[in-house]
Amino acid sequence: MSLARVINLLDYVALTYLGELGAQVAKTFELEEAIKKAGMNVYPPLYAARVLLFTGMAALVALYLSLFVLLSPLSLTSKLLLSLLLFLIPVVIFAAGLYYPAYREGERRSWVEAELPMFSAYLTAMAIAGLDIVSTLERAAKLKIFRGTKEEADRILTEVKVLGRDSLDAIERVAADHPSRSFREYLQGYVAVTRTGGSLVGYLETKTADIFRHKMDELRLLAERVALYMELYIIFAVIVAISLYLIFTVSAFMPQGGGFFGTGQLIVYSFVFMPLTSLALMYLIGKARPRNPVEDLTPHFFLLTYGLPLSIATLFVVGTLSGGYAALFGEVRKDSIIGASVALASSLVALSVPSLLAWRVRQATIRGVGNAMANFLRDLVEVRKMGLSPEKSIILLSQRDYGSLTPVLRKIATSLSLGFELESAVARALRGYRNWMLLATMKFLSDAIVLGGGSIETLDSLARFTRSLADFEEELSKRFRVYLLMPYVGVALVVGSTLLMISYMVQTLSLDPMRAQLYMDEIKATTLYVSLGAILNAWLMGLIAGKLTTGSALGGLQHAILLTIVALIMTVLIVGSIPF
């Protein structure tokens, strides 16, 4: 049975037996409005019935598994805990089903708002070139450089071509329920100006300029939001970490390891809680930053195919040669602690190096491409004023130096000289590039020339908007660069203060040899886990720095390597001086 038939069968069962209850759930939780804003083409009672069906199926599975748990030889506490966890599964499924439309609504809004400046610039350039709205949307719907606005263009075209509505009515219908206020007002203004016979080009140019100014104003709010995230992270990763590590350290000098604050809790905090906190922060930063529909996955490929095997091999070799593996088998000594720290740090560096090299190579090809593109378009406008055709203007300007953009322009010029059409020449030149701004601007330039003849007014509009985008990207980078110092200070404080405290307490304890012998095993274990946890979380702090400044965690691999080395050096120096 095919997947489509299975889905249809489940929908039939859900609607037949749970349809009435689904309608009540949809009404109670206002799913109709959420589904409409999310752009989901599904009948709200049917969606609610699906959620109820999957929740019921999960509840039956949980009940079945809980019977085995209750009949098992586990303790009563373990049985009750596992049964509770099993019955939480249907609750989570039900809550996730109700939340999903709101999630889709947020995704629809964020993608459109991230692409709105470039989309508005494209519509403006095409309007100046004389292209009608339907033809422009057809072009936009085929562009891979768009994601959110591509879907909106598809919705409008479906209303026009499938349902036979007027283009302005279709735009109004899509705008009416859109979750993005900026995009909704933009489309409604477009419809109003067109129907009243106003200057459409004037409206688009003014509105696009306003959108860019609004984006620049949003930078301040964005910086404040990210600053809040970083402050909260510093509280958890540095202040709370130091406090808890000190508590764990002091607990090692107490009978039975200090009760609750034993090595087990230290392991959970260092290797579960802190990494999850770092991943959560990277997610929040990613949600706060402007989204990019074009992502270069080459560094991720290198991380998995080259970095991961190299990391595992390095961990095994270095762990064996340095004696670090002895710590895993209960032989926790000073040399094994240092060996384990060296092995972990080496494996993290080995994991990072291949992906870092791929990242730097890719970035070298697009460094400063925004400013270069803006300068090129401005020069193109000036050359066009001399009366040269757009193609000859590009060939002439390809002899100038535009930094990372120069190879692209020279490939285009070579293809044009050989008789290729402009669209084909641009596509050949951009093959292999994954920078959104470069791809978008060159595609807009190609369409402005091919569809609009490359008029001076169209190119001038494109040049102004490209300069605004380049300024926005540069200002974004400057505002986030100030936070780069925080991870370095945090790593130094966490590693230094914690291990120095252990060293001081061991020196104090050495005055009482009998007591020192009693607690030494717990102290060594605490030192081991603190050292390894500090190195792992130092590496994650580097990834956070990359997520903050470049928008990609892998962009922070160089910081991750440096922080890992800093943490390792401090660990070796301090642990090496501890008298045990």
Protein backbone atom coordinates (compact mmCIF):
# COMPACT_ATOMS: atom_id res chain seq x y z
CA MET A 1 0.00 0.00 0.00
CA SER A 2 1.39 3.40 -1.01
CA LEU A 3 2.03 6.16 1.49
CA ALA A 4 -0.72 8.32 -0.04
CA ARG A 5 -3.29 5.55 0.45
CA VAL A 6 -2.19 5.05 4.06
CA ILE A 7 -2.57 8.78 4.72
CA ASN A 8 -6.00 8.80 3.07
CA LEU A 9 -7.05 5.79 5.18
CA LEU A 10 -5.90 7.49 8.40
CA ASP A 11 -7.74 10.66 7.41
CA TYR A 12 -10.91 8.63 6.75
CA VAL A 13 -10.69 6.96 10.17
CA ALA A 14 -9.92 10.27 11.91
CA LEU A 15 -12.76 12.16 10.24
CA THR A 16 -15.29 9.34 10.61
CA TYR A 17 -14.78 8.51 14.27
CA LEU A 18 -13.23 11.72 15.63
CA GLY A 19 -14.69 14.35 13.29
CA GLU A 20 -17.15 15.87 15.77
CA LEU A 21 -14.63 15.94 18.59
CA GLY A 22 -12.05 17.35 16.16
CA ALA A 23 -14.39 20.20 15.25
CA GLN A 24 -14.80 21.05 18.95
CA VAL A 25 -11.02 20.94 19.49
CA ALA A 26 -10.42 23.14 16.45
CA LYS A 27 -12.95 25.66 17.75
CA THR A 28 -11.68 25.57 21.34
CA PHE A 29 -8.02 26.15 20.38
CA GLU A 30 -8.83 28.50 17.46
CA LEU A 31 -7.03 26.29 14.96
CA GLU A 32 -8.90 27.68 11.96
CA GLU A 33 -7.28 31.10 12.28
CA ALA A 34 -3.84 29.63 13.00
CA ILE A 35 -4.05 27.23 10.04
CA LYS A 36 -5.15 30.04 7.75
CA LYS A 37 -2.25 32.29 8.79
CA ALA A 38 0.17 29.39 8.51
CA GLY A 39 -0.88 28.87 4.89
CA MET A 40 -1.72 25.21 5.51
CA ASN A 41 -4.20 23.80 3.00
CA VAL A 42 -6.10 21.56 5.40
CA TYR A 43 -9.63 21.48 6.83
CA PRO A 44 -9.27 22.53 10.53
CA PRO A 45 -11.60 19.81 11.97
CA LEU A 46 -9.70 17.20 9.91
CA TYR A 47 -6.37 18.47 11.25
CA ALA A 48 -7.67 18.35 14.83
CA ALA A 49 -9.03 14.84 14.20
CA ARG A 50 -5.59 13.77 12.96
CA VAL A 51 -4.00 15.09 16.14
CA LEU A 52 -6.56 13.21 18.25
CA LEU A 53 -6.01 10.00 16.27
CA PHE A 54 -2.22 10.10 16.67
CA THR A 55 -2.61 11.01 20.34
CA GLY A 56 -4.92 8.02 20.86
CA MET A 57 -2.54 5.67 19.04
CA ALA A 58 0.36 6.91 21.19
CA ALA A 59 -1.74 6.43 24.34
CA LEU A 60 -2.48 2.80 23.40
CA VAL A 61 1.21 2.12 22.76
CA ALA A 62 2.11 3.80 26.08
CA LEU A 63 -0.49 1.67 27.90
CA TYR A 64 0.83 -1.51 26.28
CA LEU A 65 4.44 -0.73 27.20
CA SER A 66 3.52 0.33 30.72
CA LEU A 67 2.06 -3.15 31.35
CA PHE A 68 5.47 -4.66 30.63
CA VAL A 69 7.08 -2.10 32.92
CA LEU A 70 4.68 -2.89 35.77
CA LEU A 71 5.32 -6.63 35.37
CA SER A 72 9.10 -6.18 35.29
CA PRO A 73 11.35 -6.85 38.32
CA LEU A 74 12.17 -3.15 38.72
CA SER A 75 11.61 -1.28 41.94
CA LEU A 76 8.25 0.39 42.56
CA THR A 77 9.76 3.86 42.17
CA SER A 78 11.34 2.95 38.83
CA LYS A 79 8.07 1.42 37.61
CA LEU A 80 6.08 4.52 38.47
CA LEU A 81 8.68 6.83 36.93
CA LEU A 82 8.88 4.88 33.66
CA SER A 83 5.09 4.63 33.44
CA LEU A 84 4.76 8.36 33.96
CA LEU A 85 7.29 9.02 31.21
CA LEU A 86 5.42 6.69 28.85
CA PHE A 87 2.09 8.44 29.46
CA LEU A 88 3.74 11.81 28.84
CA ILE A 89 4.32 10.78 25.21
CA PRO A 90 0.67 11.19 24.07
CA VAL A 91 0.48 14.48 25.98
CA VAL A 92 3.55 15.75 24.11
CA ILE A 93 2.11 14.58 20.77
CA PHE A 94 -1.18 16.36 21.44
CA ALA A 95 0.58 19.58 22.48
CA ALA A 96 2.93 19.42 19.47
CA GLY A 97 -0.01 18.94 17.12
CA LEU A 98 -1.76 22.01 18.51
CA TYR A 99 1.44 24.06 18.39
CA TYR A 100 2.48 23.09 14.85
CA PRO A 101 0.22 25.62 13.02
CA ALA A 102 1.65 28.41 15.20
CA TYR A 103 5.15 27.19 14.34
CA ARG A 104 4.36 27.20 10.62
CA GLU A 105 2.88 30.68 10.99
CA GLY A 106 6.10 31.93 12.59
CA GLU A 107 8.22 30.32 9.87
CA ARG A 108 6.07 31.87 7.15
CA ARG A 109 6.39 35.31 8.74
CA SER A 110 10.13 35.17 9.43
CA TRP A 111 11.13 33.93 5.97
CA VAL A 112 9.06 36.58 4.20
CA GLU A 113 10.32 39.40 6.38
CA ALA A 114 13.93 38.29 5.88
CA GLU A 115 13.50 38.36 2.09
CA LEU A 116 11.22 41.38 1.83
CA PRO A 117 13.97 43.99 1.14
CA MET A 118 15.40 42.00 -1.77
CA PHE A 119 11.94 40.97 -3.03
CA SER A 120 10.76 44.58 -2.97
CA ALA A 121 13.90 45.69 -4.80
CA TYR A 122 13.25 43.03 -7.43
CA LEU A 123 9.63 44.12 -7.92
CA THR A 124 10.76 47.73 -8.19
CA ALA A 125 13.39 46.94 -10.81
CA MET A 126 10.94 44.87 -12.85
CA ALA A 127 8.27 47.61 -12.60
CA ILE A 128 10.76 50.18 -13.88
CA ALA A 129 11.58 47.73 -16.69
CA GLY A 130 7.85 47.65 -17.59
CA LEU A 131 7.05 44.07 -16.52
CA ASP A 132 3.53 43.41 -15.23
CA ILE A 133 2.95 41.91 -11.78
CA VAL A 134 1.92 38.41 -12.95
CA SER A 135 5.02 38.04 -15.14
CA THR A 136 7.20 39.34 -12.31
CA LEU A 137 5.70 36.85 -9.84
CA GLU A 138 6.19 34.04 -12.34
CA ARG A 139 9.88 34.93 -12.50
CA ALA A 140 10.13 35.24 -8.72
CA ALA A 141 8.43 31.86 -8.20
CA LYS A 142 11.21 30.20 -10.21
CA LEU A 143 14.08 31.85 -8.36
CA LYS A 144 15.92 29.55 -5.94
CA ILE A 145 17.26 32.59 -4.11
CA PHE A 146 13.82 33.05 -2.54
CA ARG A 147 12.07 30.71 -0.15
CA GLY A 148 9.31 32.51 1.73
CA THR A 149 8.38 35.00 -1.00
CA LYS A 150 8.59 32.21 -3.58
CA GLU A 151 5.78 30.42 -1.73
CA GLU A 152 3.72 33.62 -1.57
CA ALA A 153 4.22 34.15 -5.31
CA ASP A 154 3.03 30.57 -5.91
CA ARG A 155 -0.09 31.23 -3.81
CA ILE A 156 -0.95 34.37 -5.79
CA LEU A 157 -0.35 32.61 -9.12
CA THR A 158 -2.57 29.71 -8.00
CA GLU A 159 -5.38 32.17 -7.27
CA VAL A 160 -4.92 33.75 -10.71
CA LYS A 161 -4.30 30.75 -12.95
CA VAL A 162 -6.25 27.99 -11.22
CA LEU A 163 -9.15 29.88 -9.65
CA GLY A 164 -9.35 32.54 -12.36
CA ARG A 165 -9.21 35.57 -10.08
CA ASP A 166 -7.97 39.00 -11.04
CA SER A 167 -4.32 39.54 -10.10
CA LEU A 168 -5.13 42.38 -7.68
CA ASP A 169 -7.91 40.35 -6.03
CA ALA A 170 -5.50 37.42 -5.68
CA ILE A 171 -2.87 39.65 -4.05
CA GLU A 172 -5.50 41.00 -1.65
CA ARG A 173 -6.64 37.52 -0.65
CA VAL A 174 -3.09 36.35 0.08
CA ALA A 175 -2.29 39.54 1.98
CA ALA A 176 -5.47 39.47 4.08
CA ASP A 177 -4.45 36.48 6.22
CA HIS A 178 -0.70 36.87 6.08
CA PRO A 179 1.02 36.78 9.50
CA SER A 180 3.64 39.36 8.51
CA ARG A 181 2.35 42.87 9.02
CA SER A 182 5.11 44.38 6.87
CA PHE A 183 4.40 42.08 3.93
CA ARG A 184 0.64 42.51 4.31
CA GLU A 185 0.86 46.31 4.26
CA TYR A 186 3.27 46.18 1.33
CA LEU A 187 0.89 44.14 -0.84
CA GLN A 188 -2.20 46.08 0.23
CA GLY A 189 -0.45 49.35 -0.64
CA TYR A 190 0.48 47.93 -4.03
CA VAL A 191 -3.15 47.06 -4.74
CA ALA A 192 -4.42 50.44 -3.54
CA VAL A 193 -1.96 52.43 -5.68
CA THR A 194 -2.70 50.34 -8.77
CA ARG A 195 -6.47 50.68 -8.42
CA THR A 196 -6.38 54.42 -7.82
CA GLY A 197 -4.09 55.01 -10.78
CA GLY A 198 -1.20 56.33 -8.73
CA SER A 199 2.49 56.10 -9.59
CA LEU A 200 3.31 52.44 -9.05
CA VAL A 201 7.04 52.89 -9.58
CA GLY A 202 7.07 55.82 -7.16
CA TYR A 203 5.25 53.76 -4.54
CA LEU A 204 7.59 50.77 -4.95
CA GLU A 205 10.73 52.91 -4.76
CA THR A 206 9.50 54.79 -1.70
CA LYS A 207 8.29 51.65 0.03
CA THR A 208 11.52 49.79 -0.72
CA ALA A 209 13.57 52.64 0.71
CA ASP A 210 11.35 52.61 3.81
CA ILE A 211 11.83 48.85 4.19
CA PHE A 212 15.60 49.25 4.10
CA ARG A 213 15.48 52.08 6.64
CA HIS A 214 13.24 49.96 8.86
CA LYS A 215 15.69 47.07 8.58
CA MET A 216 18.52 49.32 9.72
CA ASP A 217 16.41 50.44 12.69
CA GLU A 218 15.73 46.80 13.53
CA LEU A 219 19.46 46.25 13.94
CA ARG A 220 19.39 48.05 17.27
CA LEU A 221 16.57 45.86 18.58
CA LEU A 222 18.27 42.78 17.17
CA ALA A 223 21.54 43.67 18.87
CA GLU A 224 19.73 44.21 22.18
CA ARG A 225 17.99 40.84 21.88
CA VAL A 226 21.22 39.02 21.11
CA ALA A 227 22.93 40.90 23.96
CA LEU A 228 20.24 39.57 26.30
CA TYR A 229 20.81 36.02 25.03
CA MET A 230 24.56 36.38 25.53
CA GLU A 231 24.13 37.79 29.03
CA LEU A 232 21.88 34.89 30.01
CA TYR A 233 24.33 32.44 28.52
CA ILE A 234 27.27 34.03 30.34
CA ILE A 235 25.26 33.71 33.56
CA PHE A 236 24.74 29.98 32.96
CA ALA A 237 28.04 29.18 31.27
CA VAL A 238 30.32 31.23 33.51
CA ILE A 239 28.77 32.46 36.76
CA VAL A 240 26.55 29.42 37.43
CA ALA A 241 29.24 27.09 36.07
CA ILE A 242 31.88 28.49 38.39
CA SER A 243 29.49 28.34 41.34
CA LEU A 244 28.45 24.75 40.68
CA TYR A 245 31.97 23.60 39.89
CA LEU A 246 33.11 25.07 43.20
CA ILE A 247 30.24 23.29 44.97
CA PHE A 248 31.19 20.02 43.25
CA THR A 249 34.81 20.62 44.26
CA VAL A 250 33.96 21.30 47.88
CA SER A 251 31.63 18.29 47.88
CA ALA A 252 34.53 16.06 46.90
CA PHE A 253 36.14 16.90 50.25
CA MET A 254 33.02 15.89 52.19
CA PRO A 255 31.86 12.44 53.33
CA GLN A 256 30.06 10.38 50.62
CA GLY A 257 31.00 12.98 48.01
CA GLY A 258 28.75 15.66 49.44
CA GLY A 259 25.42 13.91 48.95
CA PHE A 260 23.54 15.31 45.96
CA PHE A 261 26.53 17.15 44.47
CA GLY A 262 28.51 14.06 43.52
CA THR A 263 30.43 13.08 40.38
CA GLY A 264 27.25 11.77 38.74
CA GLN A 265 25.61 15.17 38.90
CA LEU A 266 28.88 16.78 37.76
CA ILE A 267 28.89 14.58 34.64
CA VAL A 268 25.26 15.45 33.86
CA TYR A 269 25.93 19.17 34.27
CA SER A 270 29.18 19.23 32.26
CA PHE A 271 28.28 16.87 29.41
CA VAL A 272 24.49 17.20 29.13
CA PHE A 273 23.13 20.42 30.62
CA MET A 274 25.86 22.80 29.44
CA PRO A 275 26.06 21.45 25.84
CA LEU A 276 22.25 21.61 25.58
CA THR A 277 22.35 25.20 26.85
CA SER A 278 24.92 26.08 24.17
CA LEU A 279 22.81 24.46 21.45
CA ALA A 280 19.72 26.33 22.70
CA LEU A 281 21.59 29.63 22.51
CA MET A 282 22.74 28.90 18.95
CA TYR A 283 19.12 28.17 18.03
CA LEU A 284 17.94 31.45 19.55
CA ILE A 285 20.68 33.42 17.79
CA GLY A 286 19.75 31.74 14.51
CA LYS A 287 16.11 32.70 15.00
CA ALA A 288 17.05 36.31 15.84
CA ARG A 289 19.41 36.88 12.90
CA PRO A 290 18.06 37.58 9.39
CA ARG A 291 17.49 34.26 7.65
CA ASN A 292 19.33 33.16 4.54
CA PRO A 293 17.53 30.96 1.98
CA VAL A 294 20.82 29.91 0.36
CA GLU A 295 23.23 27.99 2.59
CA ASP A 296 26.61 26.54 1.72
CA LEU A 297 26.68 22.98 3.08
CA THR A 298 30.23 22.19 1.94
CA PRO A 299 31.78 22.80 5.41
CA HIS A 300 29.09 20.57 6.96
CA PHE A 301 29.97 17.86 4.44
CA PHE A 302 33.66 18.11 5.35
CA LEU A 303 32.78 17.98 9.05
CA LEU A 304 30.93 14.67 8.68
CA THR A 305 32.99 12.94 6.00
CA TYR A 306 36.50 14.02 7.00
CA GLY A 307 36.37 15.68 10.42
CA LEU A 308 34.36 13.01 12.26
CA PRO A 309 36.49 9.97 11.23
CA LEU A 310 39.68 11.98 11.84
CA SER A 311 38.38 13.00 15.26
CA ILE A 312 37.59 9.42 16.28
CA ALA A 313 41.00 8.20 15.10
CA THR A 314 42.75 11.05 16.92
CA LEU A 315 40.86 10.35 20.13
CA PHE A 316 41.89 6.69 20.00
CA VAL A 317 45.55 7.29 19.09
CA VAL A 318 46.20 10.24 21.41
CA GLY A 319 44.18 8.66 24.22
CA THR A 320 46.30 5.51 23.96
CA LEU A 321 49.68 7.23 23.64
CA SER A 322 49.03 9.78 26.39
CA GLY A 323 47.57 7.30 28.84
CA GLY A 324 44.26 9.13 28.88
CA TYR A 325 42.28 5.90 28.47
CA ALA A 326 43.55 4.77 31.86
CA ALA A 327 41.23 7.35 33.43
CA LEU A 328 38.22 5.57 31.89
CA PHE A 329 39.19 2.32 33.62
CA GLY A 330 39.46 3.80 37.10
CA GLU A 331 43.16 4.68 37.03
CA VAL A 332 42.63 8.38 37.65
CA ARG A 333 46.04 9.92 38.19
CA LYS A 334 47.58 13.25 37.35
CA ASP A 335 49.10 11.94 34.11
CA SER A 336 45.89 10.17 33.06
CA ILE A 337 43.84 13.35 33.71
CA ILE A 338 46.24 15.37 31.55
CA GLY A 339 46.29 12.59 28.93
CA ALA A 340 42.48 12.45 28.76
CA SER A 341 42.34 16.25 28.44
CA VAL A 342 44.92 16.21 25.63
CA ALA A 343 43.03 13.40 23.86
CA LEU A 344 39.68 15.21 24.02
CA ALA A 345 41.15 18.54 22.93
CA SER A 346 43.05 16.89 20.06
CA SER A 347 39.93 15.11 18.84
CA LEU A 348 37.91 18.35 18.89
CA VAL A 349 40.65 20.15 16.95
CA ALA A 350 40.81 17.27 14.46
CA LEU A 351 37.03 17.44 14.08
CA SER A 352 37.22 21.16 13.35
CA VAL A 353 40.22 21.48 10.99
CA PRO A 354 38.81 19.98 7.74
CA SER A 355 35.57 21.93 8.01
CA LEU A 356 37.46 25.10 8.97
CA LEU A 357 39.67 24.82 5.89
CA ALA A 358 36.61 24.32 3.68
CA TRP A 359 34.90 27.28 5.34
CA ARG A 360 37.89 29.61 4.85
CA VAL A 361 38.30 28.59 1.21
CA ARG A 362 34.62 29.24 0.51
CA GLN A 363 34.64 32.54 2.38
CA ALA A 364 37.75 33.74 0.52
CA THR A 365 35.78 33.59 -2.74
CA ILE A 366 32.98 35.87 -1.45
CA ARG A 367 34.70 38.15 1.08
CA GLY A 368 33.47 41.72 0.62
CA VAL A 369 31.22 40.72 -2.27
CA GLY A 370 28.41 43.02 -1.10
CA ASN A 371 30.45 46.20 -1.34
CA ALA A 372 32.07 44.98 -4.56
CA MET A 373 28.65 44.34 -6.10
CA ALA A 374 27.39 47.78 -5.09
CA ASN A 375 30.49 49.47 -6.57
CA PHE A 376 30.18 47.48 -9.79
CA LEU A 377 26.52 48.41 -10.28
CA ARG A 378 27.27 52.07 -9.63
CA ASP A 379 30.05 51.97 -12.25
CA LEU A 380 27.72 50.10 -14.62
CA VAL A 381 25.20 52.95 -14.40
CA GLU A 382 27.91 55.49 -15.24
CA VAL A 383 29.20 53.46 -18.19
CA ARG A 384 25.65 52.99 -19.51
CA LYS A 385 25.30 56.79 -19.56
CA MET A 386 28.06 56.80 -22.19
CA GLY A 387 25.75 54.93 -24.57
CA LEU A 388 27.28 51.45 -24.41
CA SER A 389 24.98 48.44 -24.35
CA PRO A 390 24.64 46.56 -21.04
CA GLU A 391 26.63 43.60 -22.35
CA LYS A 392 29.50 45.76 -23.63
CA SER A 393 29.44 47.72 -20.38
CA ILE A 394 29.92 44.51 -18.40
CA ILE A 395 32.78 43.42 -20.69
CA LEU A 396 34.46 46.81 -20.23
CA LEU A 397 34.09 46.81 -16.44
CA SER A 398 35.37 43.24 -16.13
CA GLN A 399 38.88 44.65 -16.66
CA ARG A 400 38.65 46.56 -13.37
CA ASP A 401 39.39 45.13 -9.95
CA TYR A 402 36.28 44.44 -7.87
CA GLY A 403 37.91 42.11 -5.37
CA SER A 404 36.11 38.79 -4.95
CA LEU A 405 33.57 39.77 -7.63
CA THR A 406 36.27 40.08 -10.33
CA PRO A 407 36.44 36.34 -11.26
CA VAL A 408 32.66 36.26 -11.69
CA LEU A 409 32.62 39.34 -13.94
CA ARG A 410 35.47 38.03 -16.08
CA LYS A 411 33.71 34.70 -16.58
CA ILE A 412 30.56 36.56 -17.64
CA ALA A 413 32.56 38.80 -19.98
CA THR A 414 34.29 35.80 -21.55
CA SER A 415 30.99 34.03 -22.16
CA LEU A 416 29.44 37.19 -23.64
CA SER A 417 32.45 37.62 -25.94
CA LEU A 418 31.97 34.05 -27.17
CA GLY A 419 28.35 34.79 -28.08
CA PHE A 420 26.47 33.36 -25.11
CA GLU A 421 23.25 35.05 -24.00
CA LEU A 422 23.44 37.05 -20.77
CA GLU A 423 21.29 34.67 -18.70
CA SER A 424 23.41 31.70 -19.76
CA ALA A 425 26.63 33.63 -19.15
CA VAL A 426 25.55 34.63 -15.63
CA ALA A 427 24.42 31.07 -14.80
CA ARG A 428 27.77 29.64 -15.95
CA ALA A 429 29.75 32.22 -13.98
CA LEU A 430 27.81 31.67 -10.75
CA ARG A 431 28.08 27.88 -10.86
CA GLY A 432 29.39 26.68 -7.49
CA TYR A 433 28.70 29.93 -5.59
CA ARG A 434 26.38 29.75 -2.56
CA ASN A 435 26.28 33.39 -1.43
CA TRP A 436 22.69 34.65 -1.36
CA MET A 437 23.44 38.30 -1.98
CA LEU A 438 25.71 37.56 -4.95
CA LEU A 439 23.24 35.13 -6.53
CA ALA A 440 20.25 37.41 -5.95
CA THR A 441 21.87 40.59 -7.24
CA MET A 442 23.34 39.00 -10.35
CA LYS A 443 19.99 37.35 -11.12
CA PHE A 444 18.22 40.68 -10.71
CA LEU A 445 20.78 42.33 -12.98
CA SER A 446 20.26 39.64 -15.60
CA ASP A 447 16.47 40.03 -15.49
CA ALA A 448 16.71 43.85 -15.55
CA ILE A 449 18.81 43.68 -18.74
CA VAL A 450 17.02 40.81 -20.51
CA LEU A 451 13.45 41.88 -19.66
CA GLY A 452 13.85 45.63 -19.30
CA GLY A 453 16.66 46.41 -21.68
CA GLY A 454 19.00 47.45 -18.86
CA SER A 455 17.76 51.04 -18.74
CA ILE A 456 19.76 53.51 -16.68
CA GLU A 457 16.80 54.03 -14.32
CA THR A 458 16.47 50.28 -13.65
CA LEU A 459 20.19 49.80 -13.06
CA ASP A 460 20.36 52.91 -10.86
CA SER A 461 17.52 51.56 -8.70
CA LEU A 462 19.25 48.20 -8.41
CA ALA A 463 22.55 49.88 -7.51
CA ARG A 464 20.94 51.90 -4.71
CA PHE A 465 19.20 48.91 -3.20
CA THR A 466 22.34 46.78 -3.42
CA ARG A 467 24.29 49.46 -1.58
CA SER A 468 21.61 49.46 1.13
CA LEU A 469 21.86 45.68 1.48
CA ALA A 470 25.66 45.81 1.66
CA ASP A 471 25.50 48.51 4.36
CA PHE A 472 22.99 46.43 6.30
CA GLU A 473 25.21 43.32 6.22
CA GLU A 474 28.28 45.35 7.23
CA GLU A 475 26.48 47.05 10.11
CA LEU A 476 25.12 43.69 11.30
CA SER A 477 28.63 42.24 11.39
CA LYS A 478 30.03 45.24 13.28
CA ARG A 479 27.35 45.16 15.95
CA PHE A 480 27.89 41.47 16.73
CA ARG A 481 31.69 41.56 16.61
CA VAL A 482 31.81 43.21 20.03
CA TYR A 483 30.57 40.01 21.69
CA LEU A 484 33.53 37.93 20.48
CA LEU A 485 35.52 38.66 23.63
CA MET A 486 32.93 37.11 25.95
CA PRO A 487 33.68 33.41 25.20
CA TYR A 488 37.42 33.92 25.74
CA VAL A 489 36.88 35.64 29.09
CA GLY A 490 34.32 33.00 30.07
CA VAL A 491 36.64 30.06 29.31
CA ALA A 492 39.53 31.64 31.21
CA LEU A 493 37.34 32.28 34.25
CA VAL A 494 35.70 28.84 34.33
CA VAL A 495 38.88 26.80 33.84
CA GLY A 496 41.16 29.00 35.91
CA SER A 497 38.95 29.60 38.94
CA THR A 498 37.72 26.01 39.25
CA LEU A 499 41.04 24.20 38.85
CA LEU A 500 42.89 26.73 40.97
CA MET A 501 40.34 26.14 43.72
CA ILE A 502 40.94 22.38 43.48
CA SER A 503 44.69 22.97 43.61
CA TYR A 504 44.38 25.21 46.66
CA MET A 505 42.14 22.77 48.53
CA VAL A 506 44.38 19.79 47.72
CA GLN A 507 47.38 21.72 49.02
CA THR A 508 45.45 22.50 52.19
CA LEU A 509 44.30 18.91 52.53
CA SER A 510 47.86 17.62 52.10
CA LEU A 511 48.57 18.94 55.61
CA ASP A 512 46.43 16.04 56.88
CA PRO A 513 47.72 12.92 55.04
CA MET A 514 45.12 10.53 56.50
CA ARG A 515 42.20 12.70 55.44
CA ALA A 516 43.82 13.36 52.09
CA GLN A 517 44.06 9.62 51.43
CA LEU A 518 40.38 9.21 52.35
CA TYR A 519 39.06 11.75 49.81
CA MET A 520 41.77 11.58 47.11
CA ASP A 521 39.85 9.30 44.71
CA GLU A 522 36.82 11.61 44.74
CA ILE A 523 39.04 14.68 44.26
CA LYS A 524 40.81 13.12 41.26
CA ALA A 525 37.49 12.13 39.66
CA THR A 526 36.15 15.65 40.15
CA THR A 527 39.31 17.13 38.59
CA LEU A 528 38.98 14.81 35.60
CA TYR A 529 35.35 15.65 34.86
CA VAL A 530 35.85 19.38 35.45
CA SER A 531 38.81 19.40 33.03
CA LEU A 532 37.04 17.44 30.28
CA GLY A 533 33.80 19.41 30.70
CA ALA A 534 35.64 22.72 30.51
CA ILE A 535 37.41 21.73 27.28
CA LEU A 536 34.19 20.48 25.61
CA ASN A 537 32.24 23.59 26.57
CA ALA A 538 35.12 25.85 25.48
CA TRP A 539 34.81 24.30 22.01
CA LEU A 540 31.05 24.92 22.02
CA MET A 541 31.61 28.55 23.05
CA GLY A 542 33.67 28.97 19.89
CA LEU A 543 30.76 27.71 17.78
CA ILE A 544 28.51 30.24 19.52
CA ALA A 545 30.93 33.01 18.52
CA GLY A 546 30.67 31.85 14.91
CA LYS A 547 26.88 31.68 15.00
CA LEU A 548 26.85 35.21 16.36
CA THR A 549 29.20 36.83 13.84
CA THR A 550 28.63 34.84 10.64
CA GLY A 551 25.20 33.27 11.11
CA SER A 552 26.72 29.77 10.94
CA ALA A 553 28.13 27.80 13.85
CA LEU A 554 30.87 26.42 11.61
CA GLY A 555 32.01 29.99 11.03
CA GLY A 556 33.29 29.90 14.61
CA LEU A 557 35.52 26.84 14.22
CA GLN A 558 38.67 28.95 14.38
CA HIS A 559 37.45 30.40 17.69
CA ALA A 560 36.51 26.90 18.84
CA ILE A 561 40.04 25.65 18.14
CA LEU A 562 41.65 28.62 19.90
CA LEU A 563 39.38 28.32 22.94
CA THR A 564 40.00 24.57 23.12
CA ILE A 565 43.76 25.16 23.07
CA VAL A 566 43.46 27.89 25.72
CA ALA A 567 41.40 25.59 27.95
CA LEU A 568 43.86 22.72 27.41
CA ILE A 569 46.95 24.83 28.23
CA MET A 570 45.36 26.13 31.41
CA THR A 571 44.27 22.61 32.37
CA VAL A 572 47.72 21.12 31.82
CA LEU A 573 49.47 23.90 33.74
CA ILE A 574 47.11 23.91 36.72
CA VAL A 575 46.50 20.15 36.98
CA GLY A 576 50.23 19.57 36.59
CA SER A 577 50.82 21.70 39.68
CA ILE A 578 48.23 19.95 41.88
CA PRO A 579 50.02 17.79 44.47
CA PHE A 580 48.25 14.45 44.10
